[in-house]
PDB file of N, CA and C in Angstrom:
ATOM      1  N   MET A   1      -8.983  21.089 -20.535  1.00  0.00           N
ATOM      2  CA  MET A   1     -10.177  20.283 -20.508  1.00  0.00           C
ATOM      3  C   MET A   1     -10.039  19.090 -21.455  1.00  0.00           C
ATOM      4  N   ALA A   2      -9.340  19.277 -22.555  1.00  0.00           N
ATOM      5  CA  ALA A   2      -9.170  18.191 -23.523  1.00  0.00           C
ATOM      6  C   ALA A   2      -8.365  17.044 -22.929  1.00  0.00           C
ATOM      7  N   PHE A   3      -7.356  17.369 -22.102  1.00  0.00           N
ATOM      8  CA  PHE A   3      -6.561  16.310 -21.483  1.00  0.00           C
ATOM      9  C   PHE A   3      -7.389  15.509 -20.477  1.00  0.00           C
ATOM     10  N   ALA A   4      -8.355  16.141 -19.864  1.00  0.00           N
ATOM     11  CA  ALA A   4      -9.187  15.448 -18.882  1.00  0.00           C
ATOM     12  C   ALA A   4     -10.221  14.547 -19.551  1.00  0.00           C
ATOM     13  N   LEU A   5     -10.721  14.946 -20.706  1.00  0.00           N
ATOM     14  CA  LEU A   5     -11.774  14.179 -21.364  1.00  0.00           C
ATOM     15  C   LEU A   5     -11.288  13.279 -22.489  1.00  0.00           C
ATOM     16  N   ALA A   6     -10.082  13.462 -22.969  1.00  0.00           N
ATOM     17  CA  ALA A   6      -9.568  12.679 -24.087  1.00  0.00           C
ATOM     18  C   ALA A   6      -9.465  11.184 -23.802  1.00  0.00           C
ATOM     19  N   PRO A   7      -9.117  10.727 -22.594  1.00  0.00           N
ATOM     20  CA  PRO A   7      -9.020   9.279 -22.384  1.00  0.00           C
ATOM     21  C   PRO A   7     -10.323   8.516 -22.588  1.00  0.00           C
ATOM     22  N   PHE A   8     -11.468   9.150 -22.396  1.00  0.00           N
ATOM     23  CA  PHE A   8     -12.739   8.433 -22.517  1.00  0.00           C
ATOM     24  C   PHE A   8     -13.032   7.994 -23.954  1.00  0.00           C
ATOM     25  N   PRO A   9     -13.052   8.892 -24.937  1.00  0.00           N
ATOM     26  CA  PRO A   9     -13.307   8.407 -26.298  1.00  0.00           C
ATOM     27  C   PRO A   9     -12.166   7.556 -26.844  1.00  0.00           C
ATOM     28  N   LEU A  10     -10.938   7.876 -26.483  1.00  0.00           N
ATOM     29  CA  LEU A  10      -9.812   7.071 -26.955  1.00  0.00           C
ATOM     30  C   LEU A  10      -9.868   5.661 -26.398  1.00  0.00           C
ATOM     31  N   SER A  11     -10.260   5.527 -25.156  1.00  0.00           N
ATOM     32  CA  SER A  11     -10.382   4.213 -24.547  1.00  0.00           C
ATOM     33  C   SER A  11     -11.536   3.426 -25.165  1.00  0.00           C
ATOM     34  N   MET A  12     -12.636   4.108 -25.460  1.00  0.00           N
ATOM     35  CA  MET A  12     -13.776   3.437 -26.098  1.00  0.00           C
ATOM     36  C   MET A  12     -13.381   2.918 -27.486  1.00  0.00           C
ATOM     37  N   VAL A  13     -12.690   3.724 -28.256  1.00  0.00           N
ATOM     38  CA  VAL A  13     -12.261   3.310 -29.594  1.00  0.00           C
ATOM     39  C   VAL A  13     -11.252   2.168 -29.502  1.00  0.00           C
ATOM     40  N   ALA A  14     -10.318   2.246 -28.571  1.00  0.00           N
ATOM     41  CA  ALA A  14      -9.324   1.176 -28.416  1.00  0.00           C
ATOM     42  C   ALA A  14      -9.984  -0.136 -28.012  1.00  0.00           C
ATOM     43  N   ALA A  15     -10.958  -0.077 -27.127  1.00  0.00           N
ATOM     44  CA  ALA A  15     -11.659  -1.295 -26.712  1.00  0.00           C
ATOM     45  C   ALA A  15     -12.479  -1.868 -27.861  1.00  0.00           C
ATOM     46  N   LEU A  16     -13.078  -1.014 -28.666  1.00  0.00           N
ATOM     47  CA  LEU A  16     -13.853  -1.478 -29.819  1.00  0.00           C
ATOM     48  C   LEU A  16     -12.939  -2.118 -30.858  1.00  0.00           C
ATOM     49  N   LEU A  17     -11.804  -1.469 -31.142  1.00  0.00           N
ATOM     50  CA  LEU A  17     -10.871  -2.015 -32.124  1.00  0.00           C
ATOM     51  C   LEU A  17     -10.202  -3.300 -31.636  1.00  0.00           C
ATOM     52  N   ALA A  18     -10.049  -3.443 -30.334  1.00  0.00           N
ATOM     53  CA  ALA A  18      -9.473  -4.668 -29.781  1.00  0.00           C
ATOM     54  C   ALA A  18     -10.491  -5.792 -29.730  1.00  0.00           C
ATOM     55  N   ARG A  19     -11.749  -5.476 -30.071  1.00  0.00           N
ATOM     56  CA  ARG A  19     -12.837  -6.449 -30.103  1.00  0.00           C
ATOM     57  C   ARG A  19     -13.055  -7.114 -28.749  1.00  0.00           C
ATOM     58  N   LEU A  20     -13.028  -6.295 -27.717  1.00  0.00           N
ATOM     59  CA  LEU A  20     -13.283  -6.815 -26.380  1.00  0.00           C
ATOM     60  C   LEU A  20     -14.772  -7.082 -26.216  1.00  0.00           C
ATOM     61  N   PRO A  21     -15.129  -8.126 -25.480  1.00  0.00           N
ATOM     62  CA  PRO A  21     -16.544  -8.465 -25.351  1.00  0.00           C
ATOM     63  C   PRO A  21     -17.362  -7.395 -24.644  1.00  0.00           C
ATOM     64  N   ALA A  22     -16.818  -6.726 -23.690  1.00  0.00           N
ATOM     65  CA  ALA A  22     -17.536  -5.691 -22.938  1.00  0.00           C
ATOM     66  C   ALA A  22     -16.881  -4.341 -23.192  1.00  0.00           C
ATOM     67  N   TRP A  23     -16.747  -3.968 -24.463  1.00  0.00           N
ATOM     68  CA  TRP A  23     -15.971  -2.775 -24.785  1.00  0.00           C
ATOM     69  C   TRP A  23     -16.555  -1.478 -24.229  1.00  0.00           C
ATOM     70  N   PRO A  24     -17.876  -1.312 -24.101  1.00  0.00           N
ATOM     71  CA  PRO A  24     -18.336  -0.049 -23.501  1.00  0.00           C
ATOM     72  C   PRO A  24     -17.933   0.082 -22.025  1.00  0.00           C
ATOM     73  N   ALA A  25     -17.965  -1.028 -21.303  1.00  0.00           N
ATOM     74  CA  ALA A  25     -17.558  -0.983 -19.891  1.00  0.00           C
ATOM     75  C   ALA A  25     -16.075  -0.697 -19.756  1.00  0.00           C
ATOM     76  N   VAL A  26     -15.278  -1.314 -20.603  1.00  0.00           N
ATOM     77  CA  VAL A  26     -13.833  -1.057 -20.570  1.00  0.00           C
ATOM     78  C   VAL A  26     -13.552   0.394 -20.918  1.00  0.00           C
ATOM     79  N   GLY A  27     -14.239   0.917 -21.911  1.00  0.00           N
ATOM     80  CA  GLY A  27     -14.034   2.299 -22.332  1.00  0.00           C
ATOM     81  C   GLY A  27     -14.388   3.318 -21.269  1.00  0.00           C
ATOM     82  N   LEU A  28     -15.360   3.006 -20.452  1.00  0.00           N
ATOM     83  CA  LEU A  28     -15.761   3.943 -19.403  1.00  0.00           C
ATOM     84  C   LEU A  28     -14.928   3.819 -18.132  1.00  0.00           C
ATOM     85  N   VAL A  29     -14.461   2.626 -17.812  1.00  0.00           N
ATOM     86  CA  VAL A  29     -13.748   2.407 -16.552  1.00  0.00           C
ATOM     87  C   VAL A  29     -12.238   2.608 -16.698  1.00  0.00           C
ATOM     88  N   ALA A  30     -11.684   2.341 -17.863  1.00  0.00           N
ATOM     89  CA  ALA A  30     -10.233   2.413 -18.055  1.00  0.00           C
ATOM     90  C   ALA A  30      -9.626   3.778 -17.715  1.00  0.00           C
ATOM     91  N   PRO A  31     -10.236   4.917 -18.067  1.00  0.00           N
ATOM     92  CA  PRO A  31      -9.614   6.191 -17.683  1.00  0.00           C
ATOM     93  C   PRO A  31      -9.468   6.372 -16.167  1.00  0.00           C
ATOM     94  N   PHE A  32     -10.392   5.808 -15.397  1.00  0.00           N
ATOM     95  CA  PHE A  32     -10.269   5.906 -13.950  1.00  0.00           C
ATOM     96  C   PHE A  32      -9.124   5.030 -13.436  1.00  0.00           C
ATOM     97  N   ALA A  33      -8.939   3.868 -14.050  1.00  0.00           N
ATOM     98  CA  ALA A  33      -7.802   3.016 -13.694  1.00  0.00           C
ATOM     99  C   ALA A  33      -6.491   3.692 -14.085  1.00  0.00           C
ATOM    100  N   MET A  34      -6.496   4.380 -15.223  1.00  0.00           N
ATOM    101  CA  MET A  34      -5.299   5.106 -15.650  1.00  0.00           C
ATOM    102  C   MET A  34      -4.951   6.215 -14.651  1.00  0.00           C
ATOM    103  N   LEU A  35      -5.956   6.899 -14.169  1.00  0.00           N
ATOM    104  CA  LEU A  35      -5.736   7.958 -13.185  1.00  0.00           C
ATOM    105  C   LEU A  35      -5.172   7.386 -11.887  1.00  0.00           C
ATOM    106  N   ALA A  36      -5.641   6.229 -11.474  1.00  0.00           N
ATOM    107  CA  ALA A  36      -5.122   5.593 -10.262  1.00  0.00           C
ATOM    108  C   ALA A  36      -3.658   5.196 -10.439  1.00  0.00           C
ATOM    109  N   VAL A  37      -3.295   4.705 -11.616  1.00  0.00           N
ATOM    110  CA  VAL A  37      -1.907   4.314 -11.869  1.00  0.00           C
ATOM    111  C   VAL A  37      -1.002   5.539 -11.890  1.00  0.00           C
ATOM    112  N   VAL A  38      -1.504   6.677 -12.341  1.00  0.00           N
ATOM    113  CA  VAL A  38      -0.698   7.908 -12.355  1.00  0.00           C
ATOM    114  C   VAL A  38      -0.229   8.252 -10.943  1.00  0.00           C
ATOM    115  N   PHE A  39      -1.110   8.055  -9.968  1.00  0.00           N
ATOM    116  CA  PHE A  39      -0.763   8.433  -8.606  1.00  0.00           C
ATOM    117  C   PHE A  39       0.154   7.445  -7.900  1.00  0.00           C
ATOM    118  N   ILE A  40       0.214   6.196  -8.348  1.00  0.00           N
ATOM    119  CA  ILE A  40       1.056   5.209  -7.656  1.00  0.00           C
ATOM    120  C   ILE A  40       2.362   4.908  -8.373  1.00  0.00           C
ATOM    121  N   GLN A  41       2.580   5.453  -9.554  1.00  0.00           N
ATOM    122  CA  GLN A  41       3.811   5.138 -10.273  1.00  0.00           C
ATOM    123  C   GLN A  41       4.994   5.927  -9.707  1.00  0.00           C
ATOM    124  N   PRO A  42       6.200   5.387  -9.858  1.00  0.00           N
ATOM    125  CA  PRO A  42       7.386   6.046  -9.294  1.00  0.00           C
ATOM    126  C   PRO A  42       7.834   7.233 -10.146  1.00  0.00           C
ATOM    127  N   ASP A  43       8.817   7.932  -9.640  1.00  0.00           N
ATOM    128  CA  ASP A  43       9.429   9.024 -10.378  1.00  0.00           C
ATOM    129  C   ASP A  43      10.436   8.432 -11.361  1.00  0.00           C
ATOM    130  N   TYR A  44      10.187   8.602 -12.651  1.00  0.00           N
ATOM    131  CA  TYR A  44      11.053   7.999 -13.662  1.00  0.00           C
ATOM    132  C   TYR A  44      12.312   8.808 -13.918  1.00  0.00           C
ATOM    133  N   GLY A  45      12.406  10.003 -13.357  1.00  0.00           N
ATOM    134  CA  GLY A  45      13.583  10.841 -13.565  1.00  0.00           C
ATOM    135  C   GLY A  45      14.867  10.204 -13.064  1.00  0.00           C
ATOM    136  N   SER A  46      14.776   9.400 -12.014  1.00  0.00           N
ATOM    137  CA  SER A  46      15.975   8.741 -11.487  1.00  0.00           C
ATOM    138  C   SER A  46      16.283   7.441 -12.225  1.00  0.00           C
ATOM    139  N   TRP A  47      15.378   6.932 -13.016  1.00  0.00           N
ATOM    140  CA  TRP A  47      15.586   5.670 -13.725  1.00  0.00           C
ATOM    141  C   TRP A  47      16.137   5.862 -15.128  1.00  0.00           C
ATOM    142  N   VAL A  48      15.742   6.931 -15.798  1.00  0.00           N
ATOM    143  CA  VAL A  48      16.157   7.149 -17.182  1.00  0.00           C
ATOM    144  C   VAL A  48      16.990   8.415 -17.266  1.00  0.00           C
ATOM    145  N   SER A  49      17.785   8.506 -18.330  1.00  0.00           N
ATOM    146  CA  SER A  49      18.696   9.644 -18.437  1.00  0.00           C
ATOM    147  C   SER A  49      18.033  10.867 -19.068  1.00  0.00           C
ATOM    148  N   GLY A  50      17.093  10.669 -19.973  1.00  0.00           N
ATOM    149  CA  GLY A  50      16.483  11.801 -20.658  1.00  0.00           C
ATOM    150  C   GLY A  50      15.229  12.297 -19.962  1.00  0.00           C
ATOM    151  N   GLU A  51      15.080  13.617 -19.912  1.00  0.00           N
ATOM    152  CA  GLU A  51      13.886  14.188 -19.284  1.00  0.00           C
ATOM    153  C   GLU A  51      12.641  13.945 -20.129  1.00  0.00           C
ATOM    154  N   ASN A  52      12.796  13.950 -21.459  1.00  0.00           N
ATOM    155  CA  ASN A  52      11.655  13.675 -22.332  1.00  0.00           C
ATOM    156  C   ASN A  52      11.189  12.234 -22.197  1.00  0.00           C
ATOM    157  N   LEU A  53      12.125  11.303 -22.043  1.00  0.00           N
ATOM    158  CA  LEU A  53      11.757   9.905 -21.867  1.00  0.00           C
ATOM    159  C   LEU A  53      10.985   9.702 -20.569  1.00  0.00           C
ATOM    160  N   ALA A  54      11.358  10.407 -19.528  1.00  0.00           N
ATOM    161  CA  ALA A  54      10.624  10.312 -18.266  1.00  0.00           C
ATOM    162  C   ALA A  54       9.196  10.825 -18.436  1.00  0.00           C
ATOM    163  N   LEU A  55       9.007  11.878 -19.219  1.00  0.00           N
ATOM    164  CA  LEU A  55       7.660  12.388 -19.488  1.00  0.00           C
ATOM    165  C   LEU A  55       6.848  11.382 -20.299  1.00  0.00           C
ATOM    166  N   TYR A  56       7.476  10.769 -21.298  1.00  0.00           N
ATOM    167  CA  TYR A  56       6.773   9.769 -22.101  1.00  0.00           C
ATOM    168  C   TYR A  56       6.362   8.571 -21.247  1.00  0.00           C
ATOM    169  N   LEU A  57       7.217   8.147 -20.337  1.00  0.00           N
ATOM    170  CA  LEU A  57       6.870   7.041 -19.447  1.00  0.00           C
ATOM    171  C   LEU A  57       5.746   7.434 -18.500  1.00  0.00           C
ATOM    172  N   LEU A  58       5.746   8.679 -18.050  1.00  0.00           N
ATOM    173  CA  LEU A  58       4.694   9.166 -17.155  1.00  0.00           C
ATOM    174  C   LEU A  58       3.324   9.108 -17.832  1.00  0.00           C
ATOM    175  N   ILE A  59       3.295   9.261 -19.146  1.00  0.00           N
ATOM    176  CA  ILE A  59       2.043   9.213 -19.894  1.00  0.00           C
ATOM    177  C   ILE A  59       1.723   7.791 -20.360  1.00  0.00           C
ATOM    178  N   ALA A  60       2.707   7.060 -20.858  1.00  0.00           N
ATOM    179  CA  ALA A  60       2.462   5.758 -21.487  1.00  0.00           C
ATOM    180  C   ALA A  60       2.176   4.644 -20.489  1.00  0.00           C
ATOM    181  N   VAL A  61       2.859   4.620 -19.371  1.00  0.00           N
ATOM    182  CA  VAL A  61       2.678   3.523 -18.413  1.00  0.00           C
ATOM    183  C   VAL A  61       1.250   3.476 -17.864  1.00  0.00           C
ATOM    184  N   PRO A  62       0.666   4.579 -17.427  1.00  0.00           N
ATOM    185  CA  PRO A  62      -0.728   4.495 -16.966  1.00  0.00           C
ATOM    186  C   PRO A  62      -1.707   4.117 -18.073  1.00  0.00           C
ATOM    187  N   ALA A  63      -1.474   4.589 -19.290  1.00  0.00           N
ATOM    188  CA  ALA A  63      -2.392   4.274 -20.388  1.00  0.00           C
ATOM    189  C   ALA A  63      -2.392   2.783 -20.683  1.00  0.00           C
ATOM    190  N   VAL A  64      -1.237   2.202 -20.793  1.00  0.00           N
ATOM    191  CA  VAL A  64      -1.147   0.773 -21.103  1.00  0.00           C
ATOM    192  C   VAL A  64      -1.605  -0.073 -19.921  1.00  0.00           C
ATOM    193  N   THR A  65      -1.135   0.238 -18.746  1.00  0.00           N
ATOM    194  CA  THR A  65      -1.475  -0.555 -17.566  1.00  0.00           C
ATOM    195  C   THR A  65      -2.952  -0.438 -17.206  1.00  0.00           C
ATOM    196  N   GLY A  66      -3.472   0.757 -17.193  1.00  0.00           N
ATOM    197  CA  GLY A  66      -4.877   0.951 -16.841  1.00  0.00           C
ATOM    198  C   GLY A  66      -5.820   0.291 -17.824  1.00  0.00           C
ATOM    199  N   PHE A  67      -5.535   0.394 -19.114  1.00  0.00           N
ATOM    200  CA  PHE A  67      -6.389  -0.226 -20.118  1.00  0.00           C
ATOM    201  C   PHE A  67      -6.326  -1.745 -20.031  1.00  0.00           C
ATOM    202  N   THR A  68      -5.128  -2.285 -19.868  1.00  0.00           N
ATOM    203  CA  THR A  68      -4.971  -3.735 -19.799  1.00  0.00           C
ATOM    204  C   THR A  68      -5.631  -4.317 -18.563  1.00  0.00           C
ATOM    205  N   LEU A  69      -5.436  -3.688 -17.419  1.00  0.00           N
ATOM    206  CA  LEU A  69      -6.057  -4.190 -16.195  1.00  0.00           C
ATOM    207  C   LEU A  69      -7.579  -4.104 -16.247  1.00  0.00           C
ATOM    208  N   THR A  70      -8.110  -3.049 -16.811  1.00  0.00           N
ATOM    209  CA  THR A  70      -9.556  -2.909 -16.926  1.00  0.00           C
ATOM    210  C   THR A  70     -10.130  -3.941 -17.888  1.00  0.00           C
ATOM    211  N   ALA A  71      -9.473  -4.172 -19.009  1.00  0.00           N
ATOM    212  CA  ALA A  71      -9.942  -5.180 -19.963  1.00  0.00           C
ATOM    213  C   ALA A  71      -9.913  -6.569 -19.339  1.00  0.00           C
ATOM    214  N   LEU A  72      -8.868  -6.881 -18.593  1.00  0.00           N
ATOM    215  CA  LEU A  72      -8.780  -8.180 -17.918  1.00  0.00           C
ATOM    216  C   LEU A  72      -9.875  -8.324 -16.867  1.00  0.00           C
ATOM    217  N   LEU A  73     -10.095  -7.276 -16.084  1.00  0.00           N
ATOM    218  CA  LEU A  73     -11.123  -7.329 -15.049  1.00  0.00           C
ATOM    219  C   LEU A  73     -12.518  -7.497 -15.655  1.00  0.00           C
ATOM    220  N   CYS A  74     -12.813  -6.777 -16.717  1.00  0.00           N
ATOM    221  CA  CYS A  74     -14.127  -6.911 -17.357  1.00  0.00           C
ATOM    222  C   CYS A  74     -14.294  -8.294 -17.977  1.00  0.00           C
ATOM    223  N   ALA A  75     -13.242  -8.845 -18.556  1.00  0.00           N
ATOM    224  CA  ALA A  75     -13.329 -10.195 -19.121  1.00  0.00           C
ATOM    225  C   ALA A  75     -13.580 -11.218 -18.024  1.00  0.00           C
ATOM    226  N   LEU A  76     -12.943 -11.041 -16.877  1.00  0.00           N
ATOM    227  CA  LEU A  76     -13.160 -11.974 -15.774  1.00  0.00           C
ATOM    228  C   LEU A  76     -14.549 -11.811 -15.163  1.00  0.00           C
ATOM    229  N   LEU A  77     -15.014 -10.579 -15.042  1.00  0.00           N
ATOM    230  CA  LEU A  77     -16.322 -10.346 -14.441  1.00  0.00           C
ATOM    231  C   LEU A  77     -17.474 -10.808 -15.337  1.00  0.00           C
ATOM    232  N   PHE A  78     -17.355 -10.543 -16.625  1.00  0.00           N
ATOM    233  CA  PHE A  78     -18.433 -10.899 -17.525  1.00  0.00           C
ATOM    234  C   PHE A  78     -18.307 -12.320 -18.054  1.00  0.00           C
ATOM    235  N   GLY A  79     -17.149 -12.957 -17.886  1.00  0.00           N
ATOM    236  CA  GLY A  79     -16.945 -14.339 -18.273  1.00  0.00           C
ATOM    237  C   GLY A  79     -17.088 -14.628 -19.743  1.00  0.00           C
ATOM    238  N   LYS A  80     -16.782 -13.674 -20.582  1.00  0.00           N
ATOM    239  CA  LYS A  80     -16.924 -13.866 -22.019  1.00  0.00           C
ATOM    240  C   LYS A  80     -15.581 -14.015 -22.718  1.00  0.00           C
ATOM    241  N   ALA A  81     -14.517 -14.249 -22.011  1.00  0.00           N
ATOM    242  CA  ALA A  81     -13.199 -14.317 -22.634  1.00  0.00           C
ATOM    243  C   ALA A  81     -13.090 -15.518 -23.566  1.00  0.00           C
ATOM    244  N   ALA A  82     -13.675 -16.647 -23.192  1.00  0.00           N
ATOM    245  CA  ALA A  82     -13.576 -17.843 -24.031  1.00  0.00           C
ATOM    246  C   ALA A  82     -14.501 -17.777 -25.234  1.00  0.00           C
ATOM    247  N   GLU A  83     -15.528 -16.934 -25.212  1.00  0.00           N
ATOM    248  CA  GLU A  83     -16.481 -16.845 -26.306  1.00  0.00           C
ATOM    249  C   GLU A  83     -16.092 -15.813 -27.350  1.00  0.00           C
ATOM    250  N   SER A  84     -15.100 -14.998 -27.060  1.00  0.00           N
ATOM    251  CA  SER A  84     -14.770 -13.916 -27.984  1.00  0.00           C
ATOM    252  C   SER A  84     -14.149 -14.475 -29.255  1.00  0.00           C
ATOM    253  N   PRO A  85     -14.410 -13.844 -30.396  1.00  0.00           N
ATOM    254  CA  PRO A  85     -13.832 -14.335 -31.641  1.00  0.00           C
ATOM    255  C   PRO A  85     -12.328 -14.115 -31.622  1.00  0.00           C
ATOM    256  N   GLY A  86     -11.640 -15.040 -32.192  1.00  0.00           N
ATOM    257  CA  GLY A  86     -10.191 -14.953 -32.227  1.00  0.00           C
ATOM    258  C   GLY A  86      -9.517 -15.808 -31.179  1.00  0.00           C
ATOM    259  N   VAL A  87     -10.265 -16.316 -30.229  1.00  0.00           N
ATOM    260  CA  VAL A  87      -9.701 -17.199 -29.224  1.00  0.00           C
ATOM    261  C   VAL A  87      -9.872 -18.623 -29.720  1.00  0.00           C
ATOM    262  N   ASP A  88      -8.767 -19.326 -29.861  1.00  0.00           N
ATOM    263  CA  ASP A  88      -8.810 -20.698 -30.346  1.00  0.00           C
ATOM    264  C   ASP A  88      -9.135 -21.637 -29.187  1.00  0.00           C
ATOM    265  N   THR A  89     -10.269 -22.299 -29.255  1.00  0.00           N
ATOM    266  CA  THR A  89     -10.693 -23.182 -28.174  1.00  0.00           C
ATOM    267  C   THR A  89     -10.390 -24.634 -28.476  1.00  0.00           C
ATOM    268  N   ALA A  90      -9.725 -24.906 -29.583  1.00  0.00           N
ATOM    269  CA  ALA A  90      -9.438 -26.297 -29.953  1.00  0.00           C
ATOM    270  C   ALA A  90      -8.270 -26.859 -29.214  1.00  0.00           C
TER     271      ALA A  90
END
């Protein structure tokens, strides 16, 4: 049960720490995007030599890709990317 629910609070904290403009939306939607990436990613066993590395890629690729795509989509939908602090508009 912990593996099923862990992405939600972790995603919320990551979005908050990244100072995303719509961090609650990113935190709630990103785990679903991560789950979708899990189902479409290839078998890494034929690409890498170590079995542990293939397991790490199976976990890391959906987490990074799903979070990044969700953050980009929320920034585009809410249109607050240029207003966020840290973006140099000069």
